[in-house]
Amino acid sequence: MRSREDGRTGVFQLLMIANRELAKELDSVFQGVFRALDQSAALVRERSEAEAEAYATAIGTIFMCIYSKILDPIYCDHPDLAPPLWSMDLGKGGTHSS
């Protein structure tokens, strides 16, 4: 495993996935996770408007954790796997140096 210094905190983050094919499979898995989380949020909105905002906030936290801790490092190492609107400057939020 390799590490890079986190530009915001000085903490070294592990870049977990050097194998491109594995990174591609993980990206696909997490895109499915995101779809499932979206579906769960829609379900809560449909059935419990009172709980929808808090649930959406929790889901947003999960999205950002998955993105920042797993997918962002993958996209930094494998930019060809990144979604079209991701850019190294926006996507990584300044957490990885090149």
C-alpha atoms as a PDB file:
ATOM      1  CA  MET A   1       0.000   0.000   0.000  1.00  0.00           C
ATOM      2  CA  ARG A   2       1.094   3.508  -0.692  1.00  0.00           C
ATOM      3  CA  SER A   3       0.329   6.649   1.250  1.00  0.00           C
ATOM      4  CA  ARG A   4       0.130  10.343   0.488  1.00  0.00           C
ATOM      5  CA  GLU A   5       0.065  13.253   2.861  1.00  0.00           C
ATOM      6  CA  ASP A   6      -3.336  14.811   3.374  1.00  0.00           C
ATOM      7  CA  GLY A   7      -2.790  18.459   2.475  1.00  0.00           C
ATOM      8  CA  ARG A   8      -5.391  19.699   4.954  1.00  0.00           C
ATOM      9  CA  THR A   9      -4.308  17.888   8.085  1.00  0.00           C
ATOM     10  CA  GLY A  10      -0.811  16.575   7.423  1.00  0.00           C
ATOM     11  CA  VAL A  11      -2.136  13.065   8.130  1.00  0.00           C
ATOM     12  CA  PHE A  12      -1.083  10.309   5.781  1.00  0.00           C
ATOM     13  CA  GLN A  13      -3.946   8.503   4.083  1.00  0.00           C
ATOM     14  CA  LEU A  14      -3.590   4.959   2.823  1.00  0.00           C
ATOM     15  CA  LEU A  15      -4.339   4.596  -0.852  1.00  0.00           C
ATOM     16  CA  MET A  16      -5.828   1.173  -0.753  1.00  0.00           C
ATOM     17  CA  ILE A  17      -6.358   0.033  -4.322  1.00  0.00           C
ATOM     18  CA  ALA A  18      -3.479   0.065  -6.790  1.00  0.00           C
ATOM     19  CA  ASN A  19      -4.983  -2.712  -8.946  1.00  0.00           C
ATOM     20  CA  ARG A  20      -7.049  -0.964 -11.637  1.00  0.00           C
ATOM     21  CA  GLU A  21      -9.426  -3.873 -12.287  1.00  0.00           C
ATOM     22  CA  LEU A  22     -10.207  -4.228  -8.592  1.00  0.00           C
ATOM     23  CA  ALA A  23     -10.695  -0.457  -8.351  1.00  0.00           C
ATOM     24  CA  LYS A  24     -13.131  -0.631 -11.275  1.00  0.00           C
ATOM     25  CA  GLU A  25     -15.131  -3.392  -9.609  1.00  0.00           C
ATOM     26  CA  LEU A  26     -15.244  -1.501  -6.315  1.00  0.00           C
ATOM     27  CA  ASP A  27     -16.415   1.642  -8.104  1.00  0.00           C
ATOM     28  CA  SER A  28     -19.266  -0.363  -9.604  1.00  0.00           C
ATOM     29  CA  VAL A  29     -20.188  -1.850  -6.225  1.00  0.00           C
ATOM     30  CA  PHE A  30     -20.298   1.563  -4.574  1.00  0.00           C
ATOM     31  CA  GLN A  31     -22.376   3.034  -7.387  1.00  0.00           C
ATOM     32  CA  GLY A  32     -24.901   0.309  -6.520  1.00  0.00           C
ATOM     33  CA  VAL A  33     -24.655   1.264  -2.852  1.00  0.00           C
ATOM     34  CA  PHE A  34     -25.395   4.884  -3.778  1.00  0.00           C
ATOM     35  CA  ARG A  35     -28.458   3.801  -5.773  1.00  0.00           C
ATOM     36  CA  ALA A  36     -29.702   1.741  -2.818  1.00  0.00           C
ATOM     37  CA  LEU A  37     -29.189   4.664  -0.440  1.00  0.00           C
ATOM     38  CA  ASP A  38     -31.110   6.944  -2.819  1.00  0.00           C
ATOM     39  CA  GLN A  39     -33.941   4.412  -2.916  1.00  0.00           C
ATOM     40  CA  SER A  40     -34.014   4.200   0.863  1.00  0.00           C
ATOM     41  CA  ALA A  41     -34.227   8.003   1.128  1.00  0.00           C
ATOM     42  CA  ALA A  42     -37.098   8.049  -1.361  1.00  0.00           C
ATOM     43  CA  LEU A  43     -38.896   5.410   0.681  1.00  0.00           C
ATOM     44  CA  VAL A  44     -38.556   7.455   3.862  1.00  0.00           C
ATOM     45  CA  ARG A  45     -39.738  10.624   2.063  1.00  0.00           C
ATOM     46  CA  GLU A  46     -42.819   8.766   0.776  1.00  0.00           C
ATOM     47  CA  ARG A  47     -43.797   7.283   4.125  1.00  0.00           C
ATOM     48  CA  SER A  48     -42.565   9.668   6.798  1.00  0.00           C
ATOM     49  CA  GLU A  49     -42.134  13.296   5.839  1.00  0.00           C
ATOM     50  CA  ALA A  50     -41.338  14.141   9.471  1.00  0.00           C
ATOM     51  CA  GLU A  51     -38.289  11.856   9.426  1.00  0.00           C
ATOM     52  CA  ALA A  52     -37.160  12.553   5.861  1.00  0.00           C
ATOM     53  CA  GLU A  53     -34.846  15.489   6.566  1.00  0.00           C
ATOM     54  CA  ALA A  54     -32.893  13.768   9.321  1.00  0.00           C
ATOM     55  CA  TYR A  55     -32.669  10.599   7.241  1.00  0.00           C
ATOM     56  CA  ALA A  56     -31.457  12.521   4.192  1.00  0.00           C
ATOM     57  CA  THR A  57     -28.789  14.176   6.332  1.00  0.00           C
ATOM     58  CA  ALA A  58     -27.608  10.785   7.590  1.00  0.00           C
ATOM     59  CA  ILE A  59     -27.539   9.412   4.036  1.00  0.00           C
ATOM     60  CA  GLY A  60     -25.538  12.445   2.912  1.00  0.00           C
ATOM     61  CA  THR A  61     -22.983  11.750   5.616  1.00  0.00           C
ATOM     62  CA  ILE A  62     -22.661   8.153   4.431  1.00  0.00           C
ATOM     63  CA  PHE A  63     -22.268   9.299   0.797  1.00  0.00           C
ATOM     64  CA  MET A  64     -19.493  11.706   1.726  1.00  0.00           C
ATOM     65  CA  CYS A  65     -17.685   9.143   3.864  1.00  0.00           C
ATOM     66  CA  ILE A  66     -17.712   6.548   1.069  1.00  0.00           C
ATOM     67  CA  TYR A  67     -16.689   9.130  -1.477  1.00  0.00           C
ATOM     68  CA  SER A  68     -13.931  10.806   0.507  1.00  0.00           C
ATOM     69  CA  LYS A  69     -12.418   7.700   2.110  1.00  0.00           C
ATOM     70  CA  ILE A  70     -12.808   5.152  -0.697  1.00  0.00           C
ATOM     71  CA  LEU A  71     -13.782   6.519  -4.096  1.00  0.00           C
ATOM     72  CA  ASP A  72     -11.832   9.768  -4.095  1.00  0.00           C
ATOM     73  CA  PRO A  73      -8.511   7.956  -3.467  1.00  0.00           C
ATOM     74  CA  ILE A  74      -9.436   5.428  -6.183  1.00  0.00           C
ATOM     75  CA  TYR A  75     -10.203   8.238  -8.636  1.00  0.00           C
ATOM     76  CA  CYS A  76      -6.945   9.991  -7.767  1.00  0.00           C
ATOM     77  CA  ASP A  77      -5.011   6.847  -8.630  1.00  0.00           C
ATOM     78  CA  HIS A  78      -7.258   5.860 -11.545  1.00  0.00           C
ATOM     79  CA  PRO A  79      -8.727   9.082 -13.024  1.00  0.00           C
ATOM     80  CA  ASP A  80     -10.114   7.151 -16.000  1.00  0.00           C
ATOM     81  CA  LEU A  81     -12.605   5.509 -13.596  1.00  0.00           C
ATOM     82  CA  ALA A  82     -13.894   8.838 -12.271  1.00  0.00           C
ATOM     83  CA  PRO A  83     -17.366  10.070 -13.223  1.00  0.00           C
ATOM     84  CA  PRO A  84     -17.470  12.739 -15.960  1.00  0.00           C
ATOM     85  CA  LEU A  85     -17.950  15.705 -13.606  1.00  0.00           C
ATOM     86  CA  TRP A  86     -15.212  14.662 -11.188  1.00  0.00           C
ATOM     87  CA  SER A  87     -11.956  16.536 -11.450  1.00  0.00           C
ATOM     88  CA  MET A  88      -8.860  16.017  -9.392  1.00  0.00           C
ATOM     89  CA  ASP A  89      -9.164  19.543  -7.982  1.00  0.00           C
ATOM     90  CA  LEU A  90     -12.866  19.310  -7.121  1.00  0.00           C
ATOM     91  CA  GLY A  91     -13.142  15.626  -6.351  1.00  0.00           C
ATOM     92  CA  LYS A  92     -10.271  15.302  -3.988  1.00  0.00           C
ATOM     93  CA  GLY A  93     -11.097  18.408  -2.034  1.00  0.00           C
ATOM     94  CA  GLY A  94      -7.396  19.172  -1.673  1.00  0.00           C
ATOM     95  CA  THR A  95      -6.742  15.967   0.247  1.00  0.00           C
ATOM     96  CA  HIS A  96      -4.224  14.359  -2.064  1.00  0.00           C
ATOM     97  CA  SER A  97      -1.087  15.742  -3.604  1.00  0.00           C
ATOM     98  CA  SER A  98       0.070  14.574  -6.995  1.00  0.00           C
END
